[in-house]
Amino acid sequence: MTSPMSDHQRRREGSTPPLEVIEPTRVRRRHRRSRARIGLNVTAMIDIVFLLLIYFLAATEFKLGEEVYRLDLPQRGLATDPFELPRDPLRVVIATTGPGKGGYTIRIRGPYAQPGSFQELYEFLRRNRGTETAVGGLFEQDHPIIIEPAIATRWEHAIDAFNAAVRARYTNITFAPPR
């Protein structure tokens, strides 16, 4: 009989023990999923860019720059109309002085005759409105008129002043916040 061989010697000689069963080892396979990558076809894009560049270079007309001409324009601020009326707004102050429809005062800011009623305010505004045919009015039709009601002024008094300006055919009428 032959002497038993050691495992080391058997491995070297390639022999395996007759009673030993070798189980196959599990081979782990890595299944790499191929991920779809999004990309641009840069080559085609570069071709198109160069074609466009060549097209625009061939289609462009190169011209000399425009010349600068000296213009004699009036300076700002010096070319005002000497007959132009000032555009300061006409301010009409309305205040309620007592109960009832007649308890109010009307004051026009500036060196103007002060009206005593809304009818007198209407007549003042109509008389001083200039038109294309009638020269000599102090205010144009679109001259700003600001109605300034006092804090305790009744709403109907402020509306009566507004209506007087509208009847005189002014178009730029506004209310100021109460003071």
N, C-alpha and C. Protein backbone atom coordinates (compact mmCIF):
# COMPACT_ATOMS: atom_id res chain seq x y z
N MET A 1 0.82 -1.17 0.00
CA MET A 1 0.00 0.00 0.00
C MET A 1 0.85 1.22 0.00
N THR A 2 0.27 2.14 -0.60
CA THR A 2 1.04 3.38 -0.64
C THR A 2 0.68 4.24 0.54
N SER A 3 1.60 5.02 0.90
CA SER A 3 1.36 5.89 2.06
C SER A 3 0.37 7.00 1.69
N PRO A 4 -0.41 7.34 2.64
CA PRO A 4 -1.36 8.39 2.34
C PRO A 4 -0.64 9.72 2.06
N MET A 5 -1.16 10.38 1.09
CA MET A 5 -0.54 11.66 0.69
C MET A 5 -1.23 12.81 1.44
N SER A 6 -0.44 13.76 1.67
CA SER A 6 -1.01 14.93 2.32
C SER A 6 -1.80 15.77 1.30
N ASP A 7 -2.64 16.58 1.81
CA ASP A 7 -3.46 17.42 0.92
C ASP A 7 -2.58 18.32 0.08
N HIS A 8 -1.52 18.78 0.67
CA HIS A 8 -0.62 19.68 -0.04
C HIS A 8 0.01 18.98 -1.22
N GLN A 9 0.44 17.71 -1.02
CA GLN A 9 1.07 16.97 -2.10
C GLN A 9 0.04 16.64 -3.18
N ARG A 10 -1.15 16.34 -2.79
CA ARG A 10 -2.17 16.02 -3.78
C ARG A 10 -2.50 17.22 -4.66
N ARG A 11 -2.54 18.35 -4.08
CA ARG A 11 -2.84 19.55 -4.86
C ARG A 11 -1.73 19.82 -5.85
N ARG A 12 -0.48 19.56 -5.42
CA ARG A 12 0.65 19.80 -6.29
C ARG A 12 0.62 18.83 -7.47
N GLU A 13 0.31 17.63 -7.23
CA GLU A 13 0.30 16.63 -8.28
C GLU A 13 -1.01 16.66 -9.06
N GLY A 14 -1.99 17.35 -8.61
CA GLY A 14 -3.23 17.45 -9.33
C GLY A 14 -4.18 16.35 -9.03
N SER A 15 -3.91 15.52 -8.08
CA SER A 15 -4.83 14.45 -7.77
C SER A 15 -5.76 14.88 -6.66
N THR A 16 -6.87 14.31 -6.61
CA THR A 16 -7.85 14.64 -5.60
C THR A 16 -8.18 13.40 -4.83
N PRO A 17 -8.51 13.51 -3.60
CA PRO A 17 -8.87 12.32 -2.84
C PRO A 17 -10.10 11.67 -3.43
N PRO A 18 -10.12 10.34 -3.45
CA PRO A 18 -11.23 9.66 -4.10
C PRO A 18 -12.56 9.83 -3.39
N LEU A 19 -12.59 10.00 -2.11
CA LEU A 19 -13.84 10.07 -1.39
C LEU A 19 -14.36 11.52 -1.27
N GLU A 20 -13.55 12.46 -1.53
CA GLU A 20 -13.94 13.87 -1.37
C GLU A 20 -14.75 14.34 -2.56
N VAL A 21 -15.85 14.99 -2.30
CA VAL A 21 -16.68 15.55 -3.37
C VAL A 21 -16.45 17.06 -3.37
N ILE A 22 -16.07 17.55 -4.49
CA ILE A 22 -15.83 19.00 -4.60
C ILE A 22 -17.11 19.65 -5.13
N GLU A 23 -17.63 20.56 -4.33
CA GLU A 23 -18.85 21.25 -4.76
C GLU A 23 -18.45 22.47 -5.60
N PRO A 24 -19.19 22.70 -6.63
CA PRO A 24 -18.85 23.88 -7.44
C PRO A 24 -19.17 25.16 -6.66
N THR A 25 -18.26 26.08 -6.73
CA THR A 25 -18.46 27.36 -6.04
C THR A 25 -19.39 28.26 -6.88
N ARG A 26 -20.13 29.00 -6.19
CA ARG A 26 -21.05 29.91 -6.89
C ARG A 26 -20.26 31.10 -7.42
N VAL A 27 -20.40 31.27 -8.63
CA VAL A 27 -19.74 32.41 -9.26
C VAL A 27 -20.76 33.54 -9.32
N ARG A 28 -20.41 34.58 -8.68
CA ARG A 28 -21.31 35.72 -8.68
C ARG A 28 -21.10 36.52 -9.97
N ARG A 29 -22.12 36.58 -10.66
CA ARG A 29 -22.04 37.36 -11.89
C ARG A 29 -22.62 38.74 -11.62
N ARG A 30 -21.88 39.66 -12.00
CA ARG A 30 -22.36 41.04 -11.83
C ARG A 30 -23.01 41.46 -13.14
N HIS A 31 -24.26 41.57 -13.03
CA HIS A 31 -24.98 42.03 -14.22
C HIS A 31 -25.05 43.55 -14.14
N ARG A 32 -24.23 44.16 -14.86
CA ARG A 32 -24.26 45.62 -14.89
C ARG A 32 -25.29 46.03 -15.93
N ARG A 33 -26.20 46.78 -15.45
CA ARG A 33 -27.22 47.26 -16.37
C ARG A 33 -26.62 48.41 -17.16
N SER A 34 -26.75 48.31 -18.39
CA SER A 34 -26.20 49.39 -19.21
C SER A 34 -27.19 50.55 -19.16
N ARG A 35 -26.73 51.62 -18.61
CA ARG A 35 -27.56 52.81 -18.49
C ARG A 35 -27.47 53.61 -19.78
N ALA A 36 -28.62 54.03 -20.23
CA ALA A 36 -28.64 54.83 -21.45
C ALA A 36 -28.16 56.23 -21.09
N ARG A 37 -27.17 56.66 -21.73
CA ARG A 37 -26.64 58.00 -21.47
C ARG A 37 -27.17 58.95 -22.53
N ILE A 38 -27.60 60.08 -22.03
CA ILE A 38 -28.10 61.10 -22.94
C ILE A 38 -26.92 61.96 -23.34
N GLY A 39 -26.76 62.14 -24.59
CA GLY A 39 -25.65 62.95 -25.06
C GLY A 39 -26.01 63.66 -26.34
N LEU A 40 -25.25 64.63 -26.68
CA LEU A 40 -25.45 65.38 -27.90
C LEU A 40 -24.42 64.94 -28.92
N ASN A 41 -24.86 64.92 -30.13
CA ASN A 41 -23.93 64.64 -31.19
C ASN A 41 -23.21 65.95 -31.51
N VAL A 42 -22.10 66.15 -30.88
CA VAL A 42 -21.39 67.42 -30.97
C VAL A 42 -20.80 67.61 -32.36
N THR A 43 -20.44 66.55 -33.01
CA THR A 43 -19.83 66.68 -34.33
C THR A 43 -20.80 67.31 -35.32
N ALA A 44 -22.03 66.84 -35.32
CA ALA A 44 -23.02 67.42 -36.22
C ALA A 44 -23.32 68.87 -35.85
N MET A 45 -23.34 69.15 -34.57
CA MET A 45 -23.61 70.51 -34.13
C MET A 45 -22.49 71.47 -34.56
N ILE A 46 -21.26 71.04 -34.45
CA ILE A 46 -20.14 71.89 -34.85
C ILE A 46 -20.19 72.12 -36.36
N ASP A 47 -20.55 71.11 -37.13
CA ASP A 47 -20.68 71.27 -38.58
C ASP A 47 -21.73 72.33 -38.92
N ILE A 48 -22.86 72.27 -38.22
CA ILE A 48 -23.92 73.24 -38.50
C ILE A 48 -23.48 74.64 -38.12
N VAL A 49 -22.78 74.78 -37.00
CA VAL A 49 -22.31 76.11 -36.57
C VAL A 49 -21.35 76.69 -37.60
N PHE A 50 -20.44 75.88 -38.10
CA PHE A 50 -19.50 76.39 -39.10
C PHE A 50 -20.22 76.73 -40.41
N LEU A 51 -21.22 75.94 -40.79
CA LEU A 51 -21.97 76.28 -42.00
C LEU A 51 -22.71 77.60 -41.84
N LEU A 52 -23.32 77.81 -40.67
CA LEU A 52 -23.99 79.09 -40.43
C LEU A 52 -23.01 80.25 -40.41
N LEU A 53 -21.86 80.04 -39.82
CA LEU A 53 -20.84 81.09 -39.78
C LEU A 53 -20.41 81.46 -41.19
N ILE A 54 -20.16 80.48 -42.03
CA ILE A 54 -19.76 80.75 -43.41
C ILE A 54 -20.88 81.45 -44.16
N TYR A 55 -22.14 81.02 -43.94
CA TYR A 55 -23.27 81.65 -44.61
C TYR A 55 -23.37 83.13 -44.24
N PHE A 56 -23.31 83.45 -42.94
CA PHE A 56 -23.45 84.84 -42.53
C PHE A 56 -22.26 85.69 -42.95
N LEU A 57 -21.07 85.12 -42.99
CA LEU A 57 -19.92 85.88 -43.48
C LEU A 57 -20.05 86.18 -44.97
N ALA A 58 -20.59 85.24 -45.73
CA ALA A 58 -20.74 85.46 -47.17
C ALA A 58 -21.91 86.39 -47.47
N ALA A 59 -22.97 86.38 -46.64
CA ALA A 59 -24.16 87.19 -46.93
C ALA A 59 -24.09 88.59 -46.35
N THR A 60 -23.13 88.88 -45.50
CA THR A 60 -23.05 90.19 -44.85
C THR A 60 -22.35 91.19 -45.75
N GLU A 61 -22.93 92.38 -45.79
CA GLU A 61 -22.28 93.47 -46.52
C GLU A 61 -21.61 94.36 -45.50
N PHE A 62 -20.33 94.50 -45.63
CA PHE A 62 -19.59 95.36 -44.73
C PHE A 62 -19.56 96.77 -45.31
N LYS A 63 -20.04 97.72 -44.50
CA LYS A 63 -20.08 99.12 -44.94
C LYS A 63 -19.25 99.96 -43.99
N LEU A 64 -18.86 101.10 -44.47
CA LEU A 64 -18.16 102.03 -43.61
C LEU A 64 -19.14 102.61 -42.60
N GLY A 65 -18.65 103.01 -41.46
CA GLY A 65 -19.51 103.58 -40.43
C GLY A 65 -20.11 104.89 -40.87
N GLU A 66 -21.28 105.20 -40.29
CA GLU A 66 -21.93 106.46 -40.62
C GLU A 66 -21.10 107.61 -40.10
N GLU A 67 -21.17 108.70 -40.82
CA GLU A 67 -20.42 109.88 -40.40
C GLU A 67 -21.22 110.66 -39.37
N VAL A 68 -20.52 111.39 -38.57
CA VAL A 68 -21.15 112.22 -37.56
C VAL A 68 -21.20 113.64 -38.09
N TYR A 69 -22.40 114.19 -38.13
CA TYR A 69 -22.56 115.56 -38.61
C TYR A 69 -22.83 116.46 -37.42
N ARG A 70 -22.32 117.63 -37.47
CA ARG A 70 -22.52 118.59 -36.40
C ARG A 70 -23.87 119.26 -36.61
N LEU A 71 -24.68 119.28 -35.57
CA LEU A 71 -25.99 119.91 -35.63
C LEU A 71 -26.01 121.09 -34.68
N ASP A 72 -26.60 122.15 -35.12
CA ASP A 72 -26.75 123.32 -34.27
C ASP A 72 -28.15 123.29 -33.67
N LEU A 73 -28.26 122.64 -32.53
CA LEU A 73 -29.54 122.54 -31.84
C LEU A 73 -29.56 123.53 -30.69
N PRO A 74 -30.73 124.03 -30.34
CA PRO A 74 -30.78 124.94 -29.18
C PRO A 74 -30.47 124.17 -27.90
N GLN A 75 -29.89 124.89 -26.97
CA GLN A 75 -29.56 124.25 -25.69
C GLN A 75 -30.83 124.07 -24.88
N ARG A 76 -30.78 123.10 -24.02
CA ARG A 76 -31.95 122.82 -23.19
C ARG A 76 -32.19 123.95 -22.21
N GLY A 77 -33.44 124.25 -22.00
CA GLY A 77 -33.80 125.24 -20.99
C GLY A 77 -33.84 126.66 -21.53
N LEU A 78 -33.22 126.93 -22.65
CA LEU A 78 -33.20 128.29 -23.17
C LEU A 78 -34.31 128.54 -24.19
N ALA A 79 -34.85 127.50 -24.76
CA ALA A 79 -35.85 127.65 -25.80
C ALA A 79 -37.26 127.52 -25.24
N THR A 80 -37.62 128.34 -24.28
CA THR A 80 -38.97 128.31 -23.73
C THR A 80 -39.80 129.39 -24.39
N ASP A 81 -41.08 129.11 -24.44
CA ASP A 81 -42.00 130.07 -25.03
C ASP A 81 -42.24 131.19 -24.02
N PRO A 82 -41.98 132.43 -24.39
CA PRO A 82 -42.18 133.52 -23.42
C PRO A 82 -43.65 133.76 -23.10
N PHE A 83 -44.55 133.27 -23.94
CA PHE A 83 -45.98 133.48 -23.71
C PHE A 83 -46.66 132.27 -23.07
N GLU A 84 -45.88 131.26 -22.72
CA GLU A 84 -46.46 130.06 -22.10
C GLU A 84 -46.90 130.37 -20.68
N LEU A 85 -48.11 129.90 -20.38
CA LEU A 85 -48.66 130.11 -19.04
C LEU A 85 -48.09 129.08 -18.08
N PRO A 86 -47.94 129.42 -16.81
CA PRO A 86 -47.42 128.45 -15.85
C PRO A 86 -48.39 127.28 -15.69
N ARG A 87 -47.85 126.08 -15.47
CA ARG A 87 -48.67 124.88 -15.34
C ARG A 87 -48.85 124.49 -13.88
N ASP A 88 -48.66 125.42 -12.96
CA ASP A 88 -48.93 125.10 -11.57
C ASP A 88 -50.42 124.79 -11.43
N PRO A 89 -50.75 123.74 -10.70
CA PRO A 89 -52.17 123.40 -10.60
C PRO A 89 -52.96 124.46 -9.83
N LEU A 90 -54.19 124.61 -10.23
CA LEU A 90 -55.11 125.51 -9.53
C LEU A 90 -55.69 124.72 -8.38
N ARG A 91 -55.47 125.18 -7.17
CA ARG A 91 -55.91 124.45 -5.97
C ARG A 91 -57.14 125.13 -5.38
N VAL A 92 -58.22 124.35 -5.28
CA VAL A 92 -59.48 124.84 -4.73
C VAL A 92 -59.69 124.13 -3.39
N VAL A 93 -59.71 124.91 -2.30
CA VAL A 93 -59.85 124.37 -0.95
C VAL A 93 -61.31 124.50 -0.54
N ILE A 94 -61.90 123.39 -0.12
CA ILE A 94 -63.31 123.34 0.31
C ILE A 94 -63.33 122.96 1.78
N ALA A 95 -64.11 123.70 2.57
CA ALA A 95 -64.25 123.39 4.00
C ALA A 95 -65.71 123.53 4.39
N THR A 96 -66.19 122.60 5.18
CA THR A 96 -67.56 122.67 5.71
C THR A 96 -67.51 123.45 7.00
N THR A 97 -68.37 124.47 7.09
CA THR A 97 -68.35 125.34 8.27
C THR A 97 -69.55 125.13 9.18
N GLY A 98 -70.59 124.50 8.69
CA GLY A 98 -71.77 124.30 9.53
C GLY A 98 -72.71 123.30 8.90
N PRO A 99 -73.81 123.04 9.61
CA PRO A 99 -74.76 122.07 9.07
C PRO A 99 -75.54 122.68 7.91
N GLY A 100 -76.09 121.83 7.11
CA GLY A 100 -76.91 122.32 6.00
C GLY A 100 -76.11 122.44 4.71
N LYS A 101 -76.84 122.74 3.66
CA LYS A 101 -76.24 122.81 2.34
C LYS A 101 -75.39 124.06 2.15
N GLY A 102 -75.66 125.13 2.85
CA GLY A 102 -74.91 126.38 2.67
C GLY A 102 -73.77 126.57 3.64
N GLY A 103 -73.44 125.60 4.46
CA GLY A 103 -72.38 125.76 5.45
C GLY A 103 -71.03 125.32 4.91
N TYR A 104 -70.45 126.09 4.02
CA TYR A 104 -69.14 125.75 3.44
C TYR A 104 -68.40 127.03 3.06
N THR A 105 -67.11 126.91 2.87
CA THR A 105 -66.30 128.01 2.33
C THR A 105 -65.46 127.47 1.17
N ILE A 106 -65.25 128.33 0.20
CA ILE A 106 -64.43 127.98 -0.96
C ILE A 106 -63.28 128.98 -1.02
N ARG A 107 -62.08 128.46 -1.16
CA ARG A 107 -60.91 129.33 -1.27
C ARG A 107 -60.04 128.82 -2.42
N ILE A 108 -59.66 129.71 -3.31
CA ILE A 108 -58.76 129.37 -4.40
C ILE A 108 -57.39 129.90 -4.02
N ARG A 109 -56.40 129.01 -4.00
CA ARG A 109 -55.05 129.45 -3.62
C ARG A 109 -54.45 130.26 -4.76
N GLY A 110 -53.95 131.42 -4.40
CA GLY A 110 -53.34 132.31 -5.39
C GLY A 110 -53.99 133.67 -5.35
N PRO A 111 -53.53 134.57 -6.21
CA PRO A 111 -54.06 135.95 -6.20
C PRO A 111 -55.34 136.08 -7.03
N TYR A 112 -56.33 135.31 -6.73
CA TYR A 112 -57.57 135.31 -7.50
C TYR A 112 -58.71 135.78 -6.61
N ALA A 113 -59.77 136.26 -7.26
CA ALA A 113 -60.97 136.63 -6.52
C ALA A 113 -61.58 135.36 -5.93
N GLN A 114 -61.94 135.45 -4.65
CA GLN A 114 -62.44 134.27 -3.95
C GLN A 114 -63.95 134.14 -4.16
N PRO A 115 -64.38 132.96 -4.65
CA PRO A 115 -65.83 132.77 -4.87
C PRO A 115 -66.54 132.48 -3.55
N GLY A 116 -67.83 132.87 -3.49
CA GLY A 116 -68.62 132.63 -2.29
C GLY A 116 -69.52 131.43 -2.42
N SER A 117 -69.72 130.93 -3.64
CA SER A 117 -70.61 129.79 -3.86
C SER A 117 -70.03 128.93 -4.99
N PHE A 118 -70.66 127.79 -5.16
CA PHE A 118 -70.20 126.91 -6.24
C PHE A 118 -70.55 127.49 -7.61
N GLN A 119 -71.62 128.26 -7.70
CA GLN A 119 -71.96 128.94 -8.95
C GLN A 119 -70.89 129.98 -9.29
N GLU A 120 -70.42 130.73 -8.29
CA GLU A 120 -69.35 131.71 -8.52
C GLU A 120 -68.03 131.00 -8.88
N LEU A 121 -67.78 129.83 -8.31
CA LEU A 121 -66.60 129.05 -8.68
C LEU A 121 -66.69 128.64 -10.14
N TYR A 122 -67.87 128.19 -10.57
CA TYR A 122 -68.07 127.81 -11.97
C TYR A 122 -67.82 129.01 -12.88
N GLU A 123 -68.37 130.16 -12.54
CA GLU A 123 -68.20 131.35 -13.38
C GLU A 123 -66.74 131.78 -13.45
N PHE A 124 -66.03 131.70 -12.33
CA PHE A 124 -64.59 132.04 -12.33
C PHE A 124 -63.82 131.09 -13.26
N LEU A 125 -64.09 129.81 -13.15
CA LEU A 125 -63.37 128.84 -13.98
C LEU A 125 -63.73 129.01 -15.46
N ARG A 126 -65.01 129.24 -15.76
CA ARG A 126 -65.41 129.40 -17.16
C ARG A 126 -64.83 130.67 -17.76
N ARG A 127 -64.82 131.74 -17.00
CA ARG A 127 -64.31 133.03 -17.47
C ARG A 127 -62.80 132.98 -17.73
N ASN A 128 -62.07 132.19 -16.96
CA ASN A 128 -60.61 132.15 -17.08
C ASN A 128 -60.09 130.96 -17.90
N ARG A 129 -60.99 130.24 -18.56
CA ARG A 129 -60.55 129.13 -19.41
C ARG A 129 -60.32 129.65 -20.81
N GLY A 130 -59.10 129.40 -21.31
CA GLY A 130 -58.77 129.79 -22.68
C GLY A 130 -59.16 128.69 -23.65
N THR A 131 -59.58 129.08 -24.82
CA THR A 131 -59.91 128.13 -25.87
C THR A 131 -59.12 128.50 -27.12
N GLU A 132 -59.29 127.70 -28.20
CA GLU A 132 -58.58 128.01 -29.44
C GLU A 132 -59.08 129.32 -30.04
N THR A 133 -60.36 129.61 -29.88
CA THR A 133 -60.92 130.83 -30.47
C THR A 133 -60.82 132.02 -29.53
N ALA A 134 -61.01 131.78 -28.24
CA ALA A 134 -60.98 132.88 -27.28
C ALA A 134 -59.60 132.94 -26.62
N VAL A 135 -58.86 133.96 -26.95
CA VAL A 135 -57.53 134.13 -26.36
C VAL A 135 -57.66 135.02 -25.14
N GLY A 136 -56.86 134.76 -24.12
CA GLY A 136 -56.87 135.62 -22.96
C GLY A 136 -57.25 134.90 -21.68
N GLY A 137 -57.60 133.63 -21.76
CA GLY A 137 -57.92 132.89 -20.56
C GLY A 137 -56.65 132.55 -19.79
N LEU A 138 -56.76 132.45 -18.49
CA LEU A 138 -55.59 132.13 -17.66
C LEU A 138 -55.23 130.65 -17.71
N PHE A 139 -56.22 129.81 -17.94
CA PHE A 139 -56.00 128.37 -17.85
C PHE A 139 -56.48 127.69 -19.13
N GLU A 140 -55.74 126.70 -19.55
CA GLU A 140 -56.16 125.89 -20.69
C GLU A 140 -57.19 124.86 -20.22
N GLN A 141 -57.81 124.20 -21.17
CA GLN A 141 -58.85 123.23 -20.84
C GLN A 141 -58.29 122.04 -20.07
N ASP A 142 -57.05 121.66 -20.32
CA ASP A 142 -56.44 120.53 -19.61
C ASP A 142 -55.55 120.97 -18.45
N HIS A 143 -55.70 122.22 -18.00
CA HIS A 143 -54.92 122.72 -16.86
C HIS A 143 -55.31 121.92 -15.62
N PRO A 144 -54.32 121.49 -14.82
CA PRO A 144 -54.65 120.68 -13.64
C PRO A 144 -55.37 121.50 -12.56
N ILE A 145 -56.48 120.95 -12.11
CA ILE A 145 -57.24 121.54 -11.01
C ILE A 145 -57.29 120.50 -9.90
N ILE A 146 -56.85 120.90 -8.72
CA ILE A 146 -56.84 119.98 -7.57
C ILE A 146 -57.83 120.50 -6.55
N ILE A 147 -58.79 119.65 -6.20
CA ILE A 147 -59.78 120.01 -5.18
C ILE A 147 -59.30 119.42 -3.87
N GLU A 148 -59.10 120.30 -2.89
CA GLU A 148 -58.56 119.90 -1.58
C GLU A 148 -59.64 120.05 -0.52
N PRO A 149 -60.35 119.00 -0.18
CA PRO A 149 -61.33 119.11 0.91
C PRO A 149 -60.62 119.08 2.26
N ALA A 150 -61.15 119.85 3.20
CA ALA A 150 -60.62 119.81 4.57
C ALA A 150 -61.05 118.49 5.20
N ILE A 151 -60.50 118.19 6.38
CA ILE A 151 -60.76 116.89 7.01
C ILE A 151 -62.25 116.68 7.29
N ALA A 152 -62.94 117.69 7.78
CA ALA A 152 -64.34 117.52 8.16
C ALA A 152 -65.30 117.96 7.06
N THR A 153 -64.83 118.07 5.84
CA THR A 153 -65.69 118.51 4.74
C THR A 153 -66.67 117.42 4.35
N ARG A 154 -67.92 117.83 4.15
CA ARG A 154 -68.93 116.88 3.70
C ARG A 154 -68.66 116.50 2.26
N TRP A 155 -68.98 115.26 1.94
CA TRP A 155 -68.69 114.73 0.61
C TRP A 155 -69.44 115.52 -0.48
N GLU A 156 -70.66 115.94 -0.20
CA GLU A 156 -71.43 116.65 -1.22
C GLU A 156 -70.80 117.99 -1.57
N HIS A 157 -70.11 118.62 -0.63
CA HIS A 157 -69.44 119.90 -0.94
C HIS A 157 -68.24 119.67 -1.87
N ALA A 158 -67.48 118.61 -1.63
CA ALA A 158 -66.36 118.30 -2.52
C ALA A 158 -66.86 117.95 -3.91
N ILE A 159 -67.97 117.22 -4.00
CA ILE A 159 -68.54 116.85 -5.30
C ILE A 159 -69.10 118.07 -6.01
N ASP A 160 -69.68 119.01 -5.28
CA ASP A 160 -70.18 120.24 -5.92
C ASP A 160 -69.03 121.05 -6.53
N ALA A 161 -67.89 121.09 -5.87
CA ALA A 161 -66.73 121.79 -6.45
C ALA A 161 -66.24 121.05 -7.70
N PHE A 162 -66.23 119.74 -7.65
CA PHE A 162 -65.83 118.95 -8.82
C PHE A 162 -66.79 119.20 -9.99
N ASN A 163 -68.08 119.22 -9.70
CA ASN A 163 -69.07 119.44 -10.75
C ASN A 163 -68.95 120.84 -11.36
N ALA A 164 -68.60 121.83 -10.55
CA ALA A 164 -68.41 123.19 -11.08
C ALA A 164 -67.25 123.21 -12.08
N ALA A 165 -66.17 122.50 -11.79
CA ALA A 165 -65.03 122.45 -12.71
C ALA A 165 -65.38 121.66 -13.97
N VAL A 166 -66.16 120.61 -13.83
CA VAL A 166 -66.56 119.83 -15.01
C VAL A 166 -67.50 120.64 -15.89
N ARG A 167 -68.44 121.37 -15.29
CA ARG A 167 -69.35 122.21 -16.08
C ARG A 167 -68.58 123.30 -16.82
N ALA A 168 -67.47 123.78 -16.26
CA ALA A 168 -66.64 124.79 -16.93
C ALA A 168 -65.76 124.15 -18.00
N ARG A 169 -65.90 122.86 -18.21
CA ARG A 169 -65.24 122.08 -19.27
C ARG A 169 -63.73 121.93 -19.08
N TYR A 170 -63.33 121.72 -17.86
CA TYR A 170 -61.94 121.34 -17.58
C TYR A 170 -61.86 119.82 -17.58
N THR A 171 -60.72 119.30 -18.02
CA THR A 171 -60.59 117.85 -18.17
C THR A 171 -59.60 117.21 -17.21
N ASN A 172 -58.80 117.99 -16.52
CA ASN A 172 -57.76 117.44 -15.64
C ASN A 172 -58.08 117.84 -14.19
N ILE A 173 -59.04 117.15 -13.57
CA ILE A 173 -59.50 117.48 -12.22
C ILE A 173 -59.21 116.30 -11.31
N THR A 174 -58.58 116.56 -10.18
CA THR A 174 -58.28 115.50 -9.23
C THR A 174 -58.60 115.96 -7.82
N PHE A 175 -58.69 114.99 -6.91
CA PHE A 175 -58.91 115.28 -5.50
C PHE A 175 -57.60 115.05 -4.76
N ALA A 176 -57.30 115.95 -3.84
CA ALA A 176 -56.16 115.77 -2.94
C ALA A 176 -56.67 115.07 -1.69
N PRO A 177 -55.79 114.35 -0.99
CA PRO A 177 -56.25 113.75 0.27
C PRO A 177 -56.66 114.84 1.28
N PRO A 178 -57.64 114.58 2.11
CA PRO A 178 -58.07 115.60 3.08
C PRO A 178 -56.95 115.97 4.03
N ARG A 179 -56.92 117.26 4.37
CA ARG A 179 -55.90 117.77 5.30
C ARG A 179 -56.54 118.23 6.57
